Structure formats: structure tokens, C-alpha cells
Amino acid sequence: MAKRADASAGTPATVALTRAGIPFTAHAYEHDPRAAAYGLEAAEKLGLDPARVFKTLLATVDGALVVGIVPVADQLDLKALAAALGGKRADMADPALAERKTGYVVGGISPVGQKTALPTVVDETAILCETVFVSGGRRGLDLELAPDDLLAVTNGRYAPIARTRP
């Protein structure tokens, strides 16, 4: 997989992947500010199966900030996230805190290149994909990379942390 030469794709995420020597492809699309679900918008605009497009969500486990990465059509199972990290209780993080700690805006939070390295868990369904798509650090930009490379660059782990939307 080659890196796409695209100056507009220069974000902390693309810089971090390049520095780590991890192959990725940047995929830009025209973001609609009225979109209700950023991840589903990315899947639709890029013509992808939503099972390959993952959203980056911030939560707290026993008071500590963590990252959960799940398919865009699914929900983050907070109990499973807490269990995966050896904790008891998880809650979604305040969006303003998520933006401050990651350096990204909601809807464009990438799991890669965050200002503060956080414990990261990727839903185990990513293993089924040759490549996955995650936010590239701004709305309208997704990065395609191998799931094991995502784990390596985030120092993350796999666990069953997604649940199907009701």
C-alpha cells in the first residue's frame, strides 16, 4: 500500500505513520457539515463496507482516559472496554476533554498521532479485514492501513468491545 502524495493530508496522524514507517493510504472526501454520523458518512462517501471503517471514541475507565476503536455501524460496549483494560467502570469522555487531550476535533479524532498517548483497544473484528479505515485527523480524511499496523502505532490491543446497534 503506497502513501498517497497529498499535501492537504498532512495531519499529526499522517506524520506519525510516516515517521513510524507504517504504510497507509490517505482517502479524502467532501465532508458534509450536516452529517449526523461522521463515520457512516465516511463509509458512504468512500463507497466502503461500514465494517471496515472504524470510529475512534474516548472514554474513561475507572477515571482514566482511554481510546476505543469500533466499526462505525456499531456501538462501543463500555463494560467490555473496562474489562479489556482490567477496569470496573467505563463512561464516555466529555467531547471537550477528548478534543483537548487528542489535539483533534470530534468527528476527526484519529487514533494515531494524538497529543497524549492513551491506552487503546481495537475491536477484534478488525482482524477480519486486510485493511481498515480510521480518521486521518480531520473531518473528510480517512487513513487506510493494516489492523496490526494500527495496533503497533497506537500500542493497542484487540478485544471484543463493539456491540451491534439495537
C-alpha atoms as a PDB file:
ATOM      1  CA  MET A   1       0.000   0.000   0.000  1.00  0.00           C
ATOM      2  CA  ALA A   2       1.581   3.259  -1.056  1.00  0.00           C
ATOM      3  CA  LYS A   3       1.314   6.564   0.724  1.00  0.00           C
ATOM      4  CA  ARG A   4      -0.682   8.986  -1.363  1.00  0.00           C
ATOM      5  CA  ALA A   5       1.208  12.182  -2.003  1.00  0.00           C
ATOM      6  CA  ASP A   6      -1.334  14.745  -0.901  1.00  0.00           C
ATOM      7  CA  ALA A   7      -0.190  17.884   0.859  1.00  0.00           C
ATOM      8  CA  SER A   8      -3.699  18.512   2.192  1.00  0.00           C
ATOM      9  CA  ALA A   9      -3.498  15.214   4.095  1.00  0.00           C
ATOM     10  CA  GLY A  10      -0.682  16.429   6.369  1.00  0.00           C
ATOM     11  CA  THR A  11      -2.022  15.872   9.890  1.00  0.00           C
ATOM     12  CA  PRO A  12      -0.378  14.660  13.095  1.00  0.00           C
ATOM     13  CA  ALA A  13      -1.723  11.196  12.177  1.00  0.00           C
ATOM     14  CA  THR A  14      -0.076  11.072   8.754  1.00  0.00           C
ATOM     15  CA  VAL A  15       3.159  12.488  10.189  1.00  0.00           C
ATOM     16  CA  ALA A  16       3.188   9.839  12.949  1.00  0.00           C
ATOM     17  CA  LEU A  17       2.565   6.998  10.468  1.00  0.00           C
ATOM     18  CA  THR A  18       5.271   8.276   8.133  1.00  0.00           C
ATOM     19  CA  ARG A  19       7.760   8.603  10.999  1.00  0.00           C
ATOM     20  CA  ALA A  20       6.938   5.070  12.170  1.00  0.00           C
ATOM     21  CA  GLY A  21       7.458   3.737   8.629  1.00  0.00           C
ATOM     22  CA  ILE A  22       3.917   2.340   8.519  1.00  0.00           C
ATOM     23  CA  PRO A  23       2.349   2.127   5.069  1.00  0.00           C
ATOM     24  CA  PHE A  24      -1.025   3.855   4.708  1.00  0.00           C
ATOM     25  CA  THR A  25      -3.215   5.436   2.085  1.00  0.00           C
ATOM     26  CA  ALA A  26      -4.991   8.735   2.675  1.00  0.00           C
ATOM     27  CA  HIS A  27      -8.557   8.963   1.357  1.00  0.00           C
ATOM     28  CA  ALA A  28     -10.093  12.446   1.263  1.00  0.00           C
ATOM     29  CA  TYR A  29     -13.789  13.086   0.690  1.00  0.00           C
ATOM     30  CA  GLU A  30     -16.070  16.112   0.777  1.00  0.00           C
ATOM     31  CA  HIS A  31     -17.370  16.324   4.347  1.00  0.00           C
ATOM     32  CA  ASP A  32     -20.973  17.492   4.750  1.00  0.00           C
ATOM     33  CA  PRO A  33     -21.206  19.638   7.909  1.00  0.00           C
ATOM     34  CA  ARG A  34     -24.826  18.466   8.306  1.00  0.00           C
ATOM     35  CA  ALA A  35     -23.786  14.796   8.559  1.00  0.00           C
ATOM     36  CA  ALA A  36     -25.135  13.259  11.767  1.00  0.00           C
ATOM     37  CA  ALA A  37     -22.697  10.325  11.909  1.00  0.00           C
ATOM     38  CA  TYR A  38     -19.177  11.142  10.731  1.00  0.00           C
ATOM     39  CA  GLY A  39     -18.007   7.532  10.407  1.00  0.00           C
ATOM     40  CA  LEU A  40     -21.043   6.397   8.440  1.00  0.00           C
ATOM     41  CA  GLU A  41     -20.612   9.446   6.214  1.00  0.00           C
ATOM     42  CA  ALA A  42     -17.008   8.377   5.510  1.00  0.00           C
ATOM     43  CA  ALA A  43     -18.095   4.831   4.623  1.00  0.00           C
ATOM     44  CA  GLU A  44     -20.794   6.124   2.288  1.00  0.00           C
ATOM     45  CA  LYS A  45     -18.675   8.798   0.579  1.00  0.00           C
ATOM     46  CA  LEU A  46     -15.744   6.411   0.101  1.00  0.00           C
ATOM     47  CA  GLY A  47     -18.019   3.554  -1.067  1.00  0.00           C
ATOM     48  CA  LEU A  48     -16.870   1.209   1.692  1.00  0.00           C
ATOM     49  CA  ASP A  49     -18.415  -1.562   3.752  1.00  0.00           C
ATOM     50  CA  PRO A  50     -19.046   0.083   7.163  1.00  0.00           C
ATOM     51  CA  ALA A  51     -17.469  -2.999   8.795  1.00  0.00           C
ATOM     52  CA  ARG A  52     -14.062  -1.768   7.505  1.00  0.00           C
ATOM     53  CA  VAL A  53     -14.458   1.812   8.705  1.00  0.00           C
ATOM     54  CA  PHE A  54     -13.690   2.327  12.396  1.00  0.00           C
ATOM     55  CA  LYS A  55     -14.516   5.242  14.680  1.00  0.00           C
ATOM     56  CA  THR A  56     -12.283   6.470  17.472  1.00  0.00           C
ATOM     57  CA  LEU A  57     -14.118   7.034  20.749  1.00  0.00           C
ATOM     58  CA  LEU A  58     -12.728   8.330  24.014  1.00  0.00           C
ATOM     59  CA  ALA A  59     -13.951   7.002  27.328  1.00  0.00           C
ATOM     60  CA  THR A  60     -12.828   6.884  30.912  1.00  0.00           C
ATOM     61  CA  VAL A  61     -12.125   3.583  32.633  1.00  0.00           C
ATOM     62  CA  ASP A  62     -12.050   3.970  36.407  1.00  0.00           C
ATOM     63  CA  GLY A  63     -11.382   7.673  35.838  1.00  0.00           C
ATOM     64  CA  ALA A  64      -8.505   7.272  33.338  1.00  0.00           C
ATOM     65  CA  LEU A  65      -8.909   8.377  29.714  1.00  0.00           C
ATOM     66  CA  VAL A  66      -8.742   5.565  27.116  1.00  0.00           C
ATOM     67  CA  VAL A  67      -9.447   5.025  23.412  1.00  0.00           C
ATOM     68  CA  GLY A  68     -11.915   2.503  21.984  1.00  0.00           C
ATOM     69  CA  ILE A  69     -11.945   1.850  18.234  1.00  0.00           C
ATOM     70  CA  VAL A  70     -15.065   0.142  16.827  1.00  0.00           C
ATOM     71  CA  PRO A  71     -16.791  -0.252  13.431  1.00  0.00           C
ATOM     72  CA  VAL A  72     -18.818   2.854  12.565  1.00  0.00           C
ATOM     73  CA  ALA A  73     -22.123   0.953  12.398  1.00  0.00           C
ATOM     74  CA  ASP A  74     -21.638  -0.457  15.908  1.00  0.00           C
ATOM     75  CA  GLN A  75     -21.609   0.984  19.420  1.00  0.00           C
ATOM     76  CA  LEU A  76     -18.830   0.898  21.975  1.00  0.00           C
ATOM     77  CA  ASP A  77     -19.634  -1.620  24.721  1.00  0.00           C
ATOM     78  CA  LEU A  78     -18.417   0.279  27.784  1.00  0.00           C
ATOM     79  CA  LYS A  79     -18.476  -2.770  30.079  1.00  0.00           C
ATOM     80  CA  ALA A  80     -16.379  -4.739  27.582  1.00  0.00           C
ATOM     81  CA  LEU A  81     -13.945  -1.830  27.224  1.00  0.00           C
ATOM     82  CA  ALA A  82     -13.497  -1.639  31.002  1.00  0.00           C
ATOM     83  CA  ALA A  83     -12.963  -5.406  31.189  1.00  0.00           C
ATOM     84  CA  ALA A  84     -10.421  -5.322  28.338  1.00  0.00           C
ATOM     85  CA  LEU A  85      -8.361  -2.820  30.308  1.00  0.00           C
ATOM     86  CA  GLY A  86      -8.771  -4.554  33.668  1.00  0.00           C
ATOM     87  CA  GLY A  87     -11.137  -1.891  34.986  1.00  0.00           C
ATOM     88  CA  LYS A  88     -14.528  -1.933  36.621  1.00  0.00           C
ATOM     89  CA  ARG A  89     -16.429   1.025  35.160  1.00  0.00           C
ATOM     90  CA  ALA A  90     -16.330   2.954  31.893  1.00  0.00           C
ATOM     91  CA  ASP A  91     -18.117   6.098  30.746  1.00  0.00           C
ATOM     92  CA  MET A  92     -17.925   8.134  27.561  1.00  0.00           C
ATOM     93  CA  ALA A  93     -15.500  11.047  27.852  1.00  0.00           C
ATOM     94  CA  ASP A  94     -16.640  14.639  27.611  1.00  0.00           C
ATOM     95  CA  PRO A  95     -16.146  15.788  23.981  1.00  0.00           C
ATOM     96  CA  ALA A  96     -14.238  18.929  25.063  1.00  0.00           C
ATOM     97  CA  LEU A  97     -11.828  16.777  27.095  1.00  0.00           C
ATOM     98  CA  ALA A  98     -11.417  14.388  24.150  1.00  0.00           C
ATOM     99  CA  GLU A  99     -10.505  17.296  21.874  1.00  0.00           C
ATOM    100  CA  ARG A 100      -8.059  18.776  24.405  1.00  0.00           C
ATOM    101  CA  LYS A 101      -6.245  15.501  25.091  1.00  0.00           C
ATOM    102  CA  THR A 102      -6.044  14.312  21.471  1.00  0.00           C
ATOM    103  CA  GLY A 103      -5.496  17.604  19.655  1.00  0.00           C
ATOM    104  CA  TYR A 104      -8.247  16.688  17.201  1.00  0.00           C
ATOM    105  CA  VAL A 105     -11.860  17.842  16.782  1.00  0.00           C
ATOM    106  CA  VAL A 106     -14.792  15.488  17.365  1.00  0.00           C
ATOM    107  CA  GLY A 107     -15.591  13.799  14.067  1.00  0.00           C
ATOM    108  CA  GLY A 108     -11.926  13.950  13.129  1.00  0.00           C
ATOM    109  CA  ILE A 109     -10.277  12.281  16.124  1.00  0.00           C
ATOM    110  CA  SER A 110      -7.640   9.906  14.830  1.00  0.00           C
ATOM    111  CA  PRO A 111      -6.306   7.075  16.984  1.00  0.00           C
ATOM    112  CA  VAL A 112      -2.863   7.944  15.594  1.00  0.00           C
ATOM    113  CA  GLY A 113      -0.759  10.987  16.455  1.00  0.00           C
ATOM    114  CA  GLN A 114      -2.720  12.101  19.499  1.00  0.00           C
ATOM    115  CA  LYS A 115      -1.173  14.754  21.763  1.00  0.00           C
ATOM    116  CA  THR A 116      -1.354  12.366  24.717  1.00  0.00           C
ATOM    117  CA  ALA A 117      -0.714   8.642  24.237  1.00  0.00           C
ATOM    118  CA  LEU A 118      -3.667   6.779  25.748  1.00  0.00           C
ATOM    119  CA  PRO A 119      -4.400   3.081  26.341  1.00  0.00           C
ATOM    120  CA  THR A 120      -6.071   1.886  23.138  1.00  0.00           C
ATOM    121  CA  VAL A 121      -8.354  -1.063  22.409  1.00  0.00           C
ATOM    122  CA  VAL A 122      -9.392  -2.017  18.857  1.00  0.00           C
ATOM    123  CA  ASP A 123     -12.464  -4.175  18.361  1.00  0.00           C
ATOM    124  CA  GLU A 124     -11.392  -7.683  17.422  1.00  0.00           C
ATOM    125  CA  THR A 125     -13.453  -7.613  14.186  1.00  0.00           C
ATOM    126  CA  ALA A 126     -10.630  -5.547  12.679  1.00  0.00           C
ATOM    127  CA  ILE A 127      -8.633  -8.795  12.470  1.00  0.00           C
ATOM    128  CA  LEU A 128     -11.037  -9.970   9.748  1.00  0.00           C
ATOM    129  CA  CYS A 129     -10.036  -7.090   7.447  1.00  0.00           C
ATOM    130  CA  GLU A 130      -6.928  -6.862   5.290  1.00  0.00           C
ATOM    131  CA  THR A 131      -7.056  -3.101   5.835  1.00  0.00           C
ATOM    132  CA  VAL A 132      -9.206  -0.814   7.964  1.00  0.00           C
ATOM    133  CA  PHE A 133     -10.056   2.867   7.705  1.00  0.00           C
ATOM    134  CA  VAL A 134      -9.721   5.315  10.618  1.00  0.00           C
ATOM    135  CA  SER A 135      -9.970   9.081  10.823  1.00  0.00           C
ATOM    136  CA  GLY A 136      -6.944  10.848   9.455  1.00  0.00           C
ATOM    137  CA  GLY A 137      -7.130  13.705  11.916  1.00  0.00           C
ATOM    138  CA  ARG A 138      -9.736  15.932  10.319  1.00  0.00           C
ATOM    139  CA  ARG A 139     -13.269  15.579   9.050  1.00  0.00           C
ATOM    140  CA  GLY A 140     -13.191  14.450   5.437  1.00  0.00           C
ATOM    141  CA  LEU A 141      -9.974  12.394   5.677  1.00  0.00           C
ATOM    142  CA  ASP A 142      -9.655   8.695   6.421  1.00  0.00           C
ATOM    143  CA  LEU A 143      -6.483   6.622   6.517  1.00  0.00           C
ATOM    144  CA  GLU A 144      -6.339   3.040   5.278  1.00  0.00           C
ATOM    145  CA  LEU A 145      -3.855   0.733   6.971  1.00  0.00           C
ATOM    146  CA  ALA A 146      -3.443  -2.843   8.133  1.00  0.00           C
ATOM    147  CA  PRO A 147      -5.117  -3.537  11.505  1.00  0.00           C
ATOM    148  CA  ASP A 148      -1.892  -4.916  13.008  1.00  0.00           C
ATOM    149  CA  ASP A 149      -0.121  -1.703  11.967  1.00  0.00           C
ATOM    150  CA  LEU A 150      -2.849   0.300  13.725  1.00  0.00           C
ATOM    151  CA  LEU A 151      -2.211  -1.752  16.855  1.00  0.00           C
ATOM    152  CA  ALA A 152       1.546  -1.242  16.578  1.00  0.00           C
ATOM    153  CA  VAL A 153       1.420   2.543  16.126  1.00  0.00           C
ATOM    154  CA  THR A 154      -1.089   3.018  18.979  1.00  0.00           C
ATOM    155  CA  ASN A 155       0.485   0.382  21.248  1.00  0.00           C
ATOM    156  CA  GLY A 156      -3.032  -1.041  21.379  1.00  0.00           C
ATOM    157  CA  ARG A 157      -4.656  -4.425  21.819  1.00  0.00           C
ATOM    158  CA  TYR A 158      -7.577  -6.324  20.325  1.00  0.00           C
ATOM    159  CA  ALA A 159     -10.691  -7.149  22.370  1.00  0.00           C
ATOM    160  CA  PRO A 160     -14.412  -7.673  21.724  1.00  0.00           C
ATOM    161  CA  ILE A 161     -15.555  -4.131  22.563  1.00  0.00           C
ATOM    162  CA  ALA A 162     -18.263  -3.476  19.933  1.00  0.00           C
ATOM    163  CA  ARG A 163     -21.928  -4.280  20.083  1.00  0.00           C
ATOM    164  CA  THR A 164     -24.471  -4.084  17.308  1.00  0.00           C
ATOM    165  CA  ARG A 165     -26.773  -1.087  17.418  1.00  0.00           C
ATOM    166  CA  PRO A 166     -30.281  -2.007  18.565  1.00  0.00           C
END
